[in-house]
Amino acid sequence: MAGHLEVENIVAMAVEPGCAPATERAADSAVVSLRADVPAALLASMQSFIELHPNWDQYRLVQAALAGFLVQNGSRNRDVTRCYLANLFPAQRRFTAMDSN
Protein backbone atom coordinates (compact mmCIF):
# COMPACT_ATOMS: atom_id res chain seq x y z
CA MET A 1 0.00 0.00 0.00
CA ALA A 2 1.47 3.34 -1.03
CA GLY A 3 1.16 6.65 0.78
CA HIS A 4 0.91 9.91 -1.06
CA LEU A 5 2.82 13.14 -0.81
CA GLU A 6 0.14 15.62 -1.78
CA VAL A 7 -0.34 19.36 -1.80
CA GLU A 8 -3.26 19.17 0.61
CA ASN A 9 -1.73 16.50 2.81
CA ILE A 10 1.94 16.77 3.75
CA VAL A 11 3.98 18.12 0.88
CA ALA A 12 3.94 20.56 -1.95
CA MET A 13 7.67 20.34 -2.48
CA ALA A 14 9.38 23.37 -3.88
CA VAL A 15 12.81 22.98 -5.40
CA GLU A 16 14.42 26.31 -6.00
CA PRO A 17 17.73 27.77 -7.06
CA GLY A 18 19.98 27.87 -3.99
CA CYS A 19 17.62 25.73 -1.91
CA ALA A 20 16.17 28.70 -0.07
CA PRO A 21 13.64 27.65 2.56
CA ALA A 22 10.01 28.08 1.59
CA THR A 23 9.68 30.96 4.06
CA GLU A 24 12.41 32.92 2.25
CA ARG A 25 11.13 32.30 -1.27
CA ALA A 26 10.64 35.28 -3.52
CA ALA A 27 7.26 35.44 -5.24
CA ASP A 28 8.88 35.32 -8.69
CA SER A 29 11.44 32.55 -8.02
CA ALA A 30 11.46 29.43 -10.16
CA VAL A 31 9.53 26.63 -8.47
CA VAL A 32 8.99 23.03 -9.47
CA SER A 33 6.25 21.24 -7.55
CA LEU A 34 6.42 17.48 -7.15
CA ARG A 35 3.83 14.89 -6.29
CA ALA A 36 4.91 11.33 -5.62
CA ASP A 37 3.49 8.01 -4.53
CA VAL A 38 5.69 6.47 -1.87
CA PRO A 39 5.46 3.32 0.23
CA ALA A 40 3.39 3.90 3.37
CA ALA A 41 6.35 2.92 5.58
CA LEU A 42 8.50 5.63 3.98
CA LEU A 43 5.81 8.28 4.44
CA ALA A 44 5.29 7.25 8.08
CA SER A 45 9.03 7.38 8.75
CA MET A 46 9.25 10.80 7.14
CA GLN A 47 6.39 12.11 9.30
CA SER A 48 7.95 10.61 12.47
CA PHE A 49 11.32 12.17 11.67
CA ILE A 50 9.76 15.61 11.17
CA GLU A 51 7.84 15.32 14.46
CA LEU A 52 11.04 14.43 16.33
CA HIS A 53 13.19 17.12 14.65
CA PRO A 54 11.37 20.48 14.75
CA ASN A 55 14.15 22.23 12.82
CA TRP A 56 13.31 20.04 9.79
CA ASP A 57 10.22 20.25 7.61
CA GLN A 58 9.06 18.23 4.63
CA TYR A 59 10.66 20.65 2.18
CA ARG A 60 14.09 20.47 3.76
CA LEU A 61 13.90 16.69 4.22
CA VAL A 62 13.02 15.98 0.59
CA GLN A 63 15.54 18.51 -0.76
CA ALA A 64 18.28 17.04 1.45
CA ALA A 65 17.43 13.48 0.42
CA LEU A 66 17.34 14.29 -3.29
CA ALA A 67 20.47 16.44 -3.26
CA GLY A 68 22.30 13.89 -1.10
CA PHE A 69 21.41 11.08 -3.48
CA LEU A 70 22.59 13.06 -6.49
CA VAL A 71 25.86 14.17 -4.88
CA GLN A 72 26.64 10.67 -3.62
CA ASN A 73 25.98 9.26 -7.07
CA GLY A 74 28.29 11.55 -8.99
CA SER A 75 26.45 14.80 -9.70
CA ARG A 76 28.96 17.54 -10.40
CA ASN A 77 26.39 20.33 -10.59
CA ARG A 78 27.48 23.13 -8.24
CA ASP A 79 23.88 24.14 -7.49
CA VAL A 80 23.05 20.58 -6.38
CA THR A 81 26.15 20.54 -4.17
CA ARG A 82 25.12 23.89 -2.67
CA CYS A 83 21.66 22.53 -1.95
CA TYR A 84 23.18 19.46 -0.31
CA LEU A 85 25.48 21.56 1.90
CA ALA A 86 22.76 24.12 2.69
CA ASN A 87 20.56 21.37 4.09
CA LEU A 88 23.39 19.80 6.08
CA PHE A 89 24.56 23.15 7.48
CA PRO A 90 21.55 25.50 7.50
CA ALA A 91 23.30 28.12 9.66
CA GLN A 92 25.92 28.64 6.94
CA ARG A 93 24.17 31.21 4.74
CA ARG A 94 27.01 31.10 2.17
CA PHE A 95 25.71 27.76 0.86
CA THR A 96 22.36 29.26 -0.13
CA ALA A 97 23.87 32.14 -2.11
CA MET A 98 23.82 31.68 -5.85
CA ASP A 99 27.06 33.38 -6.80
CA SER A 100 29.17 32.64 -9.85
CA ASN A 101 32.40 31.98 -7.90
PDB file of N, CA and C in Angstrom:
ATOM      1  N   MET A   1       0.848  -1.179   0.000  1.00  0.00           N
ATOM      2  CA  MET A   1       0.000   0.000   0.000  1.00  0.00           C
ATOM      3  C   MET A   1       0.892   1.241   0.000  1.00  0.00           C
ATOM      4  N   ALA A   2       0.655   2.143  -0.912  1.00  0.00           N
ATOM      5  CA  ALA A   2       1.470   3.340  -1.025  1.00  0.00           C
ATOM      6  C   ALA A   2       0.805   4.517  -0.327  1.00  0.00           C
ATOM      7  N   GLY A   3       1.642   5.388   0.236  1.00  0.00           N
ATOM      8  CA  GLY A   3       1.160   6.650   0.778  1.00  0.00           C
ATOM      9  C   GLY A   3       1.325   7.702  -0.300  1.00  0.00           C
ATOM     10  N   HIS A   4       0.809   8.854  -0.067  1.00  0.00           N
ATOM     11  CA  HIS A   4       0.911   9.911  -1.063  1.00  0.00           C
ATOM     12  C   HIS A   4       1.484  11.170  -0.439  1.00  0.00           C
ATOM     13  N   LEU A   5       2.364  11.805  -1.172  1.00  0.00           N
ATOM     14  CA  LEU A   5       2.816  13.143  -0.811  1.00  0.00           C
ATOM     15  C   LEU A   5       1.964  14.073  -1.660  1.00  0.00           C
ATOM     16  N   GLU A   6       1.068  14.786  -1.027  1.00  0.00           N
ATOM     17  CA  GLU A   6       0.145  15.624  -1.777  1.00  0.00           C
ATOM     18  C   GLU A   6       0.159  17.053  -1.271  1.00  0.00           C
ATOM     19  N   VAL A   7      -0.270  17.952  -2.132  1.00  0.00           N
ATOM     20  CA  VAL A   7      -0.335  19.365  -1.798  1.00  0.00           C
ATOM     21  C   VAL A   7      -1.202  19.588  -0.561  1.00  0.00           C
ATOM     22  N   GLU A   8      -2.383  18.947  -0.511  1.00  0.00           N
ATOM     23  CA  GLU A   8      -3.260  19.173   0.614  1.00  0.00           C
ATOM     24  C   GLU A   8      -2.840  18.408   1.857  1.00  0.00           C
ATOM     25  N   ASN A   9      -2.060  17.374   1.700  1.00  0.00           N
ATOM     26  CA  ASN A   9      -1.728  16.504   2.814  1.00  0.00           C
ATOM     27  C   ASN A   9      -0.437  16.958   3.486  1.00  0.00           C
ATOM     28  N   ILE A  10       0.697  16.477   3.036  1.00  0.00           N
ATOM     29  CA  ILE A  10       1.937  16.769   3.750  1.00  0.00           C
ATOM     30  C   ILE A  10       2.912  17.618   2.951  1.00  0.00           C
ATOM     31  N   VAL A  11       2.902  17.498   1.638  1.00  0.00           N
ATOM     32  CA  VAL A  11       3.978  18.117   0.882  1.00  0.00           C
ATOM     33  C   VAL A  11       3.492  18.747  -0.408  1.00  0.00           C
ATOM     34  N   ALA A  12       3.910  19.951  -0.624  1.00  0.00           N
ATOM     35  CA  ALA A  12       3.939  20.556  -1.946  1.00  0.00           C
ATOM     36  C   ALA A  12       5.388  20.995  -2.061  1.00  0.00           C
ATOM     37  N   MET A  13       6.230  20.119  -2.540  1.00  0.00           N
ATOM     38  CA  MET A  13       7.670  20.345  -2.482  1.00  0.00           C
ATOM     39  C   MET A  13       8.098  21.402  -3.484  1.00  0.00           C
ATOM     40  N   ALA A  14       8.850  22.355  -3.006  1.00  0.00           N
ATOM     41  CA  ALA A  14       9.385  23.375  -3.883  1.00  0.00           C
ATOM     42  C   ALA A  14      10.885  23.199  -3.965  1.00  0.00           C
ATOM     43  N   VAL A  15      11.384  23.094  -5.174  1.00  0.00           N
ATOM     44  CA  VAL A  15      12.811  22.980  -5.398  1.00  0.00           C
ATOM     45  C   VAL A  15      13.223  24.253  -6.115  1.00  0.00           C
ATOM     46  N   GLU A  16      14.096  24.995  -5.489  1.00  0.00           N
ATOM     47  CA  GLU A  16      14.424  26.308  -6.000  1.00  0.00           C
ATOM     48  C   GLU A  16      15.914  26.502  -6.145  1.00  0.00           C
ATOM     49  N   PRO A  17      16.315  27.454  -6.976  1.00  0.00           N
ATOM     50  CA  PRO A  17      17.729  27.770  -7.056  1.00  0.00           C
ATOM     51  C   PRO A  17      18.257  28.146  -5.686  1.00  0.00           C
ATOM     52  N   GLY A  18      19.361  27.546  -5.270  1.00  0.00           N
ATOM     53  CA  GLY A  18      19.983  27.874  -3.990  1.00  0.00           C
ATOM     54  C   GLY A  18      19.347  27.201  -2.805  1.00  0.00           C
ATOM     55  N   CYS A  19      18.288  26.451  -2.994  1.00  0.00           N
ATOM     56  CA  CYS A  19      17.617  25.728  -1.910  1.00  0.00           C
ATOM     57  C   CYS A  19      17.181  26.640  -0.788  1.00  0.00           C
ATOM     58  N   ALA A  20      16.679  27.798  -1.102  1.00  0.00           N
ATOM     59  CA  ALA A  20      16.169  28.698  -0.073  1.00  0.00           C
ATOM     60  C   ALA A  20      14.952  28.064   0.579  1.00  0.00           C
ATOM     61  N   PRO A  21      14.831  28.183   1.900  1.00  0.00           N
ATOM     62  CA  PRO A  21      13.644  27.648   2.564  1.00  0.00           C
ATOM     63  C   PRO A  21      12.377  28.297   2.024  1.00  0.00           C
ATOM     64  N   ALA A  22      11.274  27.586   2.123  1.00  0.00           N
ATOM     65  CA  ALA A  22      10.005  28.081   1.592  1.00  0.00           C
ATOM     66  C   ALA A  22       9.641  29.438   2.169  1.00  0.00           C
ATOM     67  N   THR A  23      10.026  29.697   3.420  1.00  0.00           N
ATOM     68  CA  THR A  23       9.676  30.957   4.058  1.00  0.00           C
ATOM     69  C   THR A  23      10.471  32.132   3.494  1.00  0.00           C
ATOM     70  N   GLU A  24      11.575  31.844   2.813  1.00  0.00           N
ATOM     71  CA  GLU A  24      12.412  32.915   2.253  1.00  0.00           C
ATOM     72  C   GLU A  24      12.244  33.056   0.749  1.00  0.00           C
ATOM     73  N   ARG A  25      11.309  32.335   0.170  1.00  0.00           N
ATOM     74  CA  ARG A  25      11.128  32.295  -1.267  1.00  0.00           C
ATOM     75  C   ARG A  25      10.581  33.616  -1.794  1.00  0.00           C
ATOM     76  N   ALA A  26      11.158  34.090  -2.858  1.00  0.00           N
ATOM     77  CA  ALA A  26      10.637  35.284  -3.522  1.00  0.00           C
ATOM     78  C   ALA A  26       9.435  34.871  -4.365  1.00  0.00           C
ATOM     79  N   ALA A  27       8.491  35.763  -4.508  1.00  0.00           N
ATOM     80  CA  ALA A  27       7.264  35.445  -5.240  1.00  0.00           C
ATOM     81  C   ALA A  27       7.543  35.062  -6.690  1.00  0.00           C
ATOM     82  N   ASP A  28       8.611  35.590  -7.280  1.00  0.00           N
ATOM     83  CA  ASP A  28       8.879  35.318  -8.685  1.00  0.00           C
ATOM     84  C   ASP A  28       9.970  34.267  -8.897  1.00  0.00           C
ATOM     85  N   SER A  29      10.387  33.549  -7.860  1.00  0.00           N
ATOM     86  CA  SER A  29      11.443  32.550  -8.022  1.00  0.00           C
ATOM     87  C   SER A  29      10.919  31.330  -8.765  1.00  0.00           C
ATOM     88  N   ALA A  30      11.832  30.632  -9.429  1.00  0.00           N
ATOM     89  CA  ALA A  30      11.465  29.427 -10.163  1.00  0.00           C
ATOM     90  C   ALA A  30      11.121  28.315  -9.172  1.00  0.00           C
ATOM     91  N   VAL A  31       9.984  27.689  -9.372  1.00  0.00           N
ATOM     92  CA  VAL A  31       9.531  26.634  -8.468  1.00  0.00           C
ATOM     93  C   VAL A  31       9.072  25.442  -9.299  1.00  0.00           C
ATOM     94  N   VAL A  32       9.462  24.271  -8.869  1.00  0.00           N
ATOM     95  CA  VAL A  32       8.990  23.032  -9.467  1.00  0.00           C
ATOM     96  C   VAL A  32       8.274  22.262  -8.373  1.00  0.00           C
ATOM     97  N   SER A  33       7.008  21.996  -8.546  1.00  0.00           N
ATOM     98  CA  SER A  33       6.252  21.240  -7.552  1.00  0.00           C
ATOM     99  C   SER A  33       6.254  19.774  -7.939  1.00  0.00           C
ATOM    100  N   LEU A  34       6.374  18.919  -6.928  1.00  0.00           N
ATOM    101  CA  LEU A  34       6.423  17.479  -7.153  1.00  0.00           C
ATOM    102  C   LEU A  34       5.297  16.793  -6.400  1.00  0.00           C
ATOM    103  N   ARG A  35       4.792  15.745  -6.974  1.00  0.00           N
ATOM    104  CA  ARG A  35       3.831  14.888  -6.294  1.00  0.00           C
ATOM    105  C   ARG A  35       4.313  13.468  -6.533  1.00  0.00           C
ATOM    106  N   ALA A  36       4.366  12.681  -5.481  1.00  0.00           N
ATOM    107  CA  ALA A  36       4.912  11.334  -5.617  1.00  0.00           C
ATOM    108  C   ALA A  36       4.136  10.333  -4.783  1.00  0.00           C
ATOM    109  N   ASP A  37       4.007   9.134  -5.307  1.00  0.00           N
ATOM    110  CA  ASP A  37       3.486   8.012  -4.534  1.00  0.00           C
ATOM    111  C   ASP A  37       4.687   7.341  -3.892  1.00  0.00           C
ATOM    112  N   VAL A  38       4.595   7.106  -2.596  1.00  0.00           N
ATOM    113  CA  VAL A  38       5.689   6.468  -1.868  1.00  0.00           C
ATOM    114  C   VAL A  38       5.118   5.350  -1.005  1.00  0.00           C
ATOM    115  N   PRO A  39       5.947   4.360  -0.675  1.00  0.00           N
ATOM    116  CA  PRO A  39       5.459   3.319   0.229  1.00  0.00           C
ATOM    117  C   PRO A  39       5.001   3.940   1.555  1.00  0.00           C
ATOM    118  N   ALA A  40       3.957   3.370   2.124  1.00  0.00           N
ATOM    119  CA  ALA A  40       3.391   3.898   3.367  1.00  0.00           C
ATOM    120  C   ALA A  40       4.432   3.941   4.484  1.00  0.00           C
ATOM    121  N   ALA A  41       5.313   2.949   4.534  1.00  0.00           N
ATOM    122  CA  ALA A  41       6.350   2.923   5.575  1.00  0.00           C
ATOM    123  C   ALA A  41       7.301   4.112   5.437  1.00  0.00           C
ATOM    124  N   LEU A  42       7.618   4.477   4.207  1.00  0.00           N
ATOM    125  CA  LEU A  42       8.499   5.626   3.975  1.00  0.00           C
ATOM    126  C   LEU A  42       7.816   6.924   4.397  1.00  0.00           C
ATOM    127  N   LEU A  43       6.565   7.081   4.051  1.00  0.00           N
ATOM    128  CA  LEU A  43       5.811   8.277   4.440  1.00  0.00           C
ATOM    129  C   LEU A  43       5.701   8.376   5.959  1.00  0.00           C
ATOM    130  N   ALA A  44       5.405   7.254   6.625  1.00  0.00           N
ATOM    131  CA  ALA A  44       5.295   7.255   8.083  1.00  0.00           C
ATOM    132  C   ALA A  44       6.628   7.599   8.739  1.00  0.00           C
ATOM    133  N   SER A  45       7.710   7.057   8.205  1.00  0.00           N
ATOM    134  CA  SER A  45       9.034   7.375   8.748  1.00  0.00           C
ATOM    135  C   SER A  45       9.374   8.843   8.559  1.00  0.00           C
ATOM    136  N   MET A  46       9.014   9.390   7.408  1.00  0.00           N
ATOM    137  CA  MET A  46       9.249  10.805   7.143  1.00  0.00           C
ATOM    138  C   MET A  46       8.481  11.668   8.139  1.00  0.00           C
ATOM    139  N   GLN A  47       7.214  11.349   8.363  1.00  0.00           N
ATOM    140  CA  GLN A  47       6.391  12.108   9.300  1.00  0.00           C
ATOM    141  C   GLN A  47       6.940  11.995  10.720  1.00  0.00           C
ATOM    142  N   SER A  48       7.380  10.804  11.123  1.00  0.00           N
ATOM    143  CA  SER A  48       7.953  10.611  12.465  1.00  0.00           C
ATOM    144  C   SER A  48       9.226  11.426  12.631  1.00  0.00           C
ATOM    145  N   PHE A  49      10.073  11.411  11.611  1.00  0.00           N
ATOM    146  CA  PHE A  49      11.318  12.171  11.673  1.00  0.00           C
ATOM    147  C   PHE A  49      11.034  13.660  11.861  1.00  0.00           C
ATOM    148  N   ILE A  50      10.100  14.185  11.091  1.00  0.00           N
ATOM    149  CA  ILE A  50       9.760  15.615  11.171  1.00  0.00           C
ATOM    150  C   ILE A  50       9.188  15.959  12.545  1.00  0.00           C
ATOM    151  N   GLU A  51       8.388  15.078  13.118  1.00  0.00           N
ATOM    152  CA  GLU A  51       7.841  15.317  14.456  1.00  0.00           C
ATOM    153  C   GLU A  51       8.936  15.347  15.512  1.00  0.00           C
ATOM    154  N   LEU A  52       9.944  14.505  15.357  1.00  0.00           N
ATOM    155  CA  LEU A  52      11.042  14.429  16.330  1.00  0.00           C
ATOM    156  C   LEU A  52      12.109  15.504  16.142  1.00  0.00           C
ATOM    157  N   HIS A  53      12.159  16.117  14.967  1.00  0.00           N
ATOM    158  CA  HIS A  53      13.187  17.119  14.654  1.00  0.00           C
ATOM    159  C   HIS A  53      12.511  18.405  14.178  1.00  0.00           C
ATOM    160  N   PRO A  54      12.140  19.277  15.108  1.00  0.00           N
ATOM    161  CA  PRO A  54      11.368  20.476  14.748  1.00  0.00           C
ATOM    162  C   PRO A  54      12.103  21.462  13.835  1.00  0.00           C
ATOM    163  N   ASN A  55      13.421  21.343  13.717  1.00  0.00           N
ATOM    164  CA  ASN A  55      14.150  22.229  12.817  1.00  0.00           C
ATOM    165  C   ASN A  55      14.103  21.736  11.369  1.00  0.00           C
ATOM    166  N   TRP A  56      13.483  20.584  11.140  1.00  0.00           N
ATOM    167  CA  TRP A  56      13.309  20.043   9.794  1.00  0.00           C
ATOM    168  C   TRP A  56      11.838  20.145   9.416  1.00  0.00           C
ATOM    169  N   ASP A  57      11.578  20.338   8.131  1.00  0.00           N
ATOM    170  CA  ASP A  57      10.216  20.252   7.611  1.00  0.00           C
ATOM    171  C   ASP A  57      10.262  19.379   6.361  1.00  0.00           C
ATOM    172  N   GLN A  58       9.108  19.127   5.775  1.00  0.00           N
ATOM    173  CA  GLN A  58       9.056  18.229   4.633  1.00  0.00           C
ATOM    174  C   GLN A  58       9.850  18.757   3.444  1.00  0.00           C
ATOM    175  N   TYR A  59       9.921  20.061   3.293  1.00  0.00           N
ATOM    176  CA  TYR A  59      10.663  20.645   2.181  1.00  0.00           C
ATOM    177  C   TYR A  59      12.160  20.364   2.330  1.00  0.00           C
ATOM    178  N   ARG A  60      12.666  20.667   3.502  1.00  0.00           N
ATOM    179  CA  ARG A  60      14.089  20.468   3.756  1.00  0.00           C
ATOM    180  C   ARG A  60      14.461  18.983   3.675  1.00  0.00           C
ATOM    181  N   LEU A  61      13.618  18.119   4.219  1.00  0.00           N
ATOM    182  CA  LEU A  61      13.899  16.689   4.215  1.00  0.00           C
ATOM    183  C   LEU A  61      13.986  16.145   2.788  1.00  0.00           C
ATOM    184  N   VAL A  62      13.027  16.489   1.956  1.00  0.00           N
ATOM    185  CA  VAL A  62      13.021  15.983   0.585  1.00  0.00           C
ATOM    186  C   VAL A  62      14.171  16.596  -0.220  1.00  0.00           C
ATOM    187  N   GLN A  63      14.413  17.887  -0.046  1.00  0.00           N
ATOM    188  CA  GLN A  63      15.539  18.509  -0.757  1.00  0.00           C
ATOM    189  C   GLN A  63      16.855  17.875  -0.338  1.00  0.00           C
ATOM    190  N   ALA A  64      17.047  17.647   0.964  1.00  0.00           N
ATOM    191  CA  ALA A  64      18.284  17.040   1.451  1.00  0.00           C
ATOM    192  C   ALA A  64      18.443  15.624   0.911  1.00  0.00           C
ATOM    193  N   ALA A  65      17.364  14.860   0.905  1.00  0.00           N
ATOM    194  CA  ALA A  65      17.431  13.483   0.417  1.00  0.00           C
ATOM    195  C   ALA A  65      17.765  13.442  -1.074  1.00  0.00           C
ATOM    196  N   LEU A  66      17.101  14.269  -1.856  1.00  0.00           N
ATOM    197  CA  LEU A  66      17.341  14.287  -3.294  1.00  0.00           C
ATOM    198  C   LEU A  66      18.741  14.795  -3.620  1.00  0.00           C
ATOM    199  N   ALA A  67      19.127  15.902  -3.009  1.00  0.00           N
ATOM    200  CA  ALA A  67      20.468  16.444  -3.260  1.00  0.00           C
ATOM    201  C   ALA A  67      21.542  15.471  -2.780  1.00  0.00           C
ATOM    202  N   GLY A  68      21.342  14.864  -1.620  1.00  0.00           N
ATOM    203  CA  GLY A  68      22.300  13.891  -1.102  1.00  0.00           C
ATOM    204  C   GLY A  68      22.453  12.703  -2.033  1.00  0.00           C
ATOM    205  N   PHE A  69      21.358  12.193  -2.541  1.00  0.00           N
ATOM    206  CA  PHE A  69      21.406  11.077  -3.479  1.00  0.00           C
ATOM    207  C   PHE A  69      22.203  11.460  -4.721  1.00  0.00           C
ATOM    208  N   LEU A  70      21.904  12.638  -5.272  1.00  0.00           N
ATOM    209  CA  LEU A  70      22.586  13.061  -6.495  1.00  0.00           C
ATOM    210  C   LEU A  70      24.084  13.277  -6.275  1.00  0.00           C
ATOM    211  N   VAL A  71      24.444  13.928  -5.178  1.00  0.00           N
ATOM    212  CA  VAL A  71      25.860  14.175  -4.880  1.00  0.00           C
ATOM    213  C   VAL A  71      26.590  12.848  -4.666  1.00  0.00           C
ATOM    214  N   GLN A  72      25.992  11.956  -3.905  1.00  0.00           N
ATOM    215  CA  GLN A  72      26.637  10.672  -3.623  1.00  0.00           C
ATOM    216  C   GLN A  72      26.735   9.771  -4.845  1.00  0.00           C
ATOM    217  N   ASN A  73      25.946  10.077  -5.861  1.00  0.00           N
ATOM    218  CA  ASN A  73      25.976   9.263  -7.074  1.00  0.00           C
ATOM    219  C   ASN A  73      26.600   9.990  -8.252  1.00  0.00           C
ATOM    220  N   GLY A  74      27.450  10.971  -7.961  1.00  0.00           N
ATOM    221  CA  GLY A  74      28.290  11.554  -8.994  1.00  0.00           C
ATOM    222  C   GLY A  74      27.870  12.862  -9.612  1.00  0.00           C
ATOM    223  N   SER A  75      26.815  13.506  -9.133  1.00  0.00           N
ATOM    224  CA  SER A  75      26.449  14.799  -9.698  1.00  0.00           C
ATOM    225  C   SER A  75      27.576  15.802  -9.469  1.00  0.00           C
ATOM    226  N   ARG A  76      27.912  16.513 -10.507  1.00  0.00           N
ATOM    227  CA  ARG A  76      28.959  17.540 -10.404  1.00  0.00           C
ATOM    228  C   ARG A  76      28.374  18.948 -10.547  1.00  0.00           C
ATOM    229  N   ASN A  77      27.066  19.044 -10.472  1.00  0.00           N
ATOM    230  CA  ASN A  77      26.389  20.328 -10.587  1.00  0.00           C
ATOM    231  C   ASN A  77      26.597  21.120  -9.295  1.00  0.00           C
ATOM    232  N   ARG A  78      27.173  22.318  -9.415  1.00  0.00           N
ATOM    233  CA  ARG A  78      27.475  23.132  -8.235  1.00  0.00           C
ATOM    234  C   ARG A  78      26.219  23.525  -7.466  1.00  0.00           C
ATOM    235  N   ASP A  79      25.127  23.762  -8.175  1.00  0.00           N
ATOM    236  CA  ASP A  79      23.883  24.136  -7.490  1.00  0.00           C
ATOM    237  C   ASP A  79      23.339  22.978  -6.661  1.00  0.00           C
ATOM    238  N   VAL A  80      23.481  21.755  -7.146  1.00  0.00           N
ATOM    239  CA  VAL A  80      23.052  20.580  -6.384  1.00  0.00           C
ATOM    240  C   VAL A  80      23.932  20.428  -5.147  1.00  0.00           C
ATOM    241  N   THR A  81      25.233  20.622  -5.311  1.00  0.00           N
ATOM    242  CA  THR A  81      26.153  20.541  -4.173  1.00  0.00           C
ATOM    243  C   THR A  81      25.825  21.609  -3.142  1.00  0.00           C
ATOM    244  N   ARG A  82      25.521  22.819  -3.591  1.00  0.00           N
ATOM    245  CA  ARG A  82      25.125  23.890  -2.670  1.00  0.00           C
ATOM    246  C   ARG A  82      23.869  23.517  -1.901  1.00  0.00           C
ATOM    247  N   CYS A  83      22.908  22.946  -2.594  1.00  0.00           N
ATOM    248  CA  CYS A  83      21.662  22.529  -1.953  1.00  0.00           C
ATOM    249  C   CYS A  83      21.951  21.467  -0.898  1.00  0.00           C
ATOM    250  N   TYR A  84      22.795  20.521  -1.238  1.00  0.00           N
ATOM    251  CA  TYR A  84      23.183  19.459  -0.309  1.00  0.00           C
ATOM    252  C   TYR A  84      23.826  20.054   0.944  1.00  0.00           C
ATOM    253  N   LEU A  85      24.788  20.946   0.763  1.00  0.00           N
ATOM    254  CA  LEU A  85      25.480  21.563   1.899  1.00  0.00           C
ATOM    255  C   LEU A  85      24.565  22.486   2.692  1.00  0.00           C
ATOM    256  N   ALA A  86      23.684  23.209   2.005  1.00  0.00           N
ATOM    257  CA  ALA A  86      22.762  24.120   2.691  1.00  0.00           C
ATOM    258  C   ALA A  86      21.824  23.360   3.623  1.00  0.00           C
ATOM    259  N   ASN A  87      21.437  22.163   3.229  1.00  0.00           N
ATOM    260  CA  ASN A  87      20.558  21.370   4.087  1.00  0.00           C
ATOM    261  C   ASN A  87      21.313  20.704   5.219  1.00  0.00           C
ATOM    262  N   LEU A  88      22.582  20.383   5.014  1.00  0.00           N
ATOM    263  CA  LEU A  88      23.388  19.804   6.083  1.00  0.00           C
ATOM    264  C   LEU A  88      23.793  20.853   7.110  1.00  0.00           C
ATOM    265  N   PHE A  89      24.069  22.058   6.629  1.00  0.00           N
ATOM    266  CA  PHE A  89      24.559  23.146   7.485  1.00  0.00           C
ATOM    267  C   PHE A  89      23.702  24.393   7.279  1.00  0.00           C
ATOM    268  N   PRO A  90      22.460  24.390   7.777  1.00  0.00           N
ATOM    269  CA  PRO A  90      21.545  25.502   7.500  1.00  0.00           C
ATOM    270  C   PRO A  90      21.993  26.841   8.063  1.00  0.00           C
ATOM    271  N   ALA A  91      22.834  26.854   9.080  1.00  0.00           N
ATOM    272  CA  ALA A  91      23.297  28.119   9.656  1.00  0.00           C
ATOM    273  C   ALA A  91      24.333  28.805   8.767  1.00  0.00           C
ATOM    274  N   GLN A  92      24.900  28.086   7.830  1.00  0.00           N
ATOM    275  CA  GLN A  92      25.918  28.639   6.936  1.00  0.00           C
ATOM    276  C   GLN A  92      25.245  29.258   5.721  1.00  0.00           C
ATOM    277  N   ARG A  93      24.908  30.522   5.794  1.00  0.00           N
ATOM    278  CA  ARG A  93      24.174  31.209   4.736  1.00  0.00           C
ATOM    279  C   ARG A  93      24.920  31.202   3.405  1.00  0.00           C
ATOM    280  N   ARG A  94      26.236  31.044   3.426  1.00  0.00           N
ATOM    281  CA  ARG A  94      27.009  31.096   2.174  1.00  0.00           C
ATOM    282  C   ARG A  94      26.640  29.965   1.221  1.00  0.00           C
ATOM    283  N   PHE A  95      26.075  28.856   1.730  1.00  0.00           N
ATOM    284  CA  PHE A  95      25.710  27.757   0.855  1.00  0.00           C
ATOM    285  C   PHE A  95      24.422  28.032   0.091  1.00  0.00           C
ATOM    286  N   THR A  96      23.606  28.972   0.560  1.00  0.00           N
ATOM    287  CA  THR A  96      22.356  29.260  -0.128  1.00  0.00           C
ATOM    288  C   THR A  96      22.517  30.358  -1.172  1.00  0.00           C
ATOM    289  N   ALA A  97      23.634  31.060  -1.140  1.00  0.00           N
ATOM    290  CA  ALA A  97      23.868  32.144  -2.106  1.00  0.00           C
ATOM    291  C   ALA A  97      24.149  31.553  -3.480  1.00  0.00           C
ATOM    292  N   MET A  98      23.605  32.152  -4.493  1.00  0.00           N
ATOM    293  CA  MET A  98      23.824  31.685  -5.855  1.00  0.00           C
ATOM    294  C   MET A  98      24.810  32.630  -6.540  1.00  0.00           C
ATOM    295  N   ASP A  99      26.063  32.536  -6.160  1.00  0.00           N
ATOM    296  CA  ASP A  99      27.061  33.377  -6.803  1.00  0.00           C
ATOM    297  C   ASP A  99      27.717  32.602  -7.928  1.00  0.00           C
ATOM    298  N   SER A 100      28.518  33.275  -8.705  1.00  0.00           N
ATOM    299  CA  SER A 100      29.166  32.636  -9.850  1.00  0.00           C
ATOM    300  C   SER A 100      30.609  32.278  -9.559  1.00  0.00           C
ATOM    301  N   ASN A 101      31.013  32.316  -8.270  1.00  0.00           N
ATOM    302  CA  ASN A 101      32.401  31.984  -7.900  1.00  0.00           C
ATOM    303  C   ASN A 101      32.664  30.522  -8.032  1.00  0.00           C
TER     304      ASN A 101
END
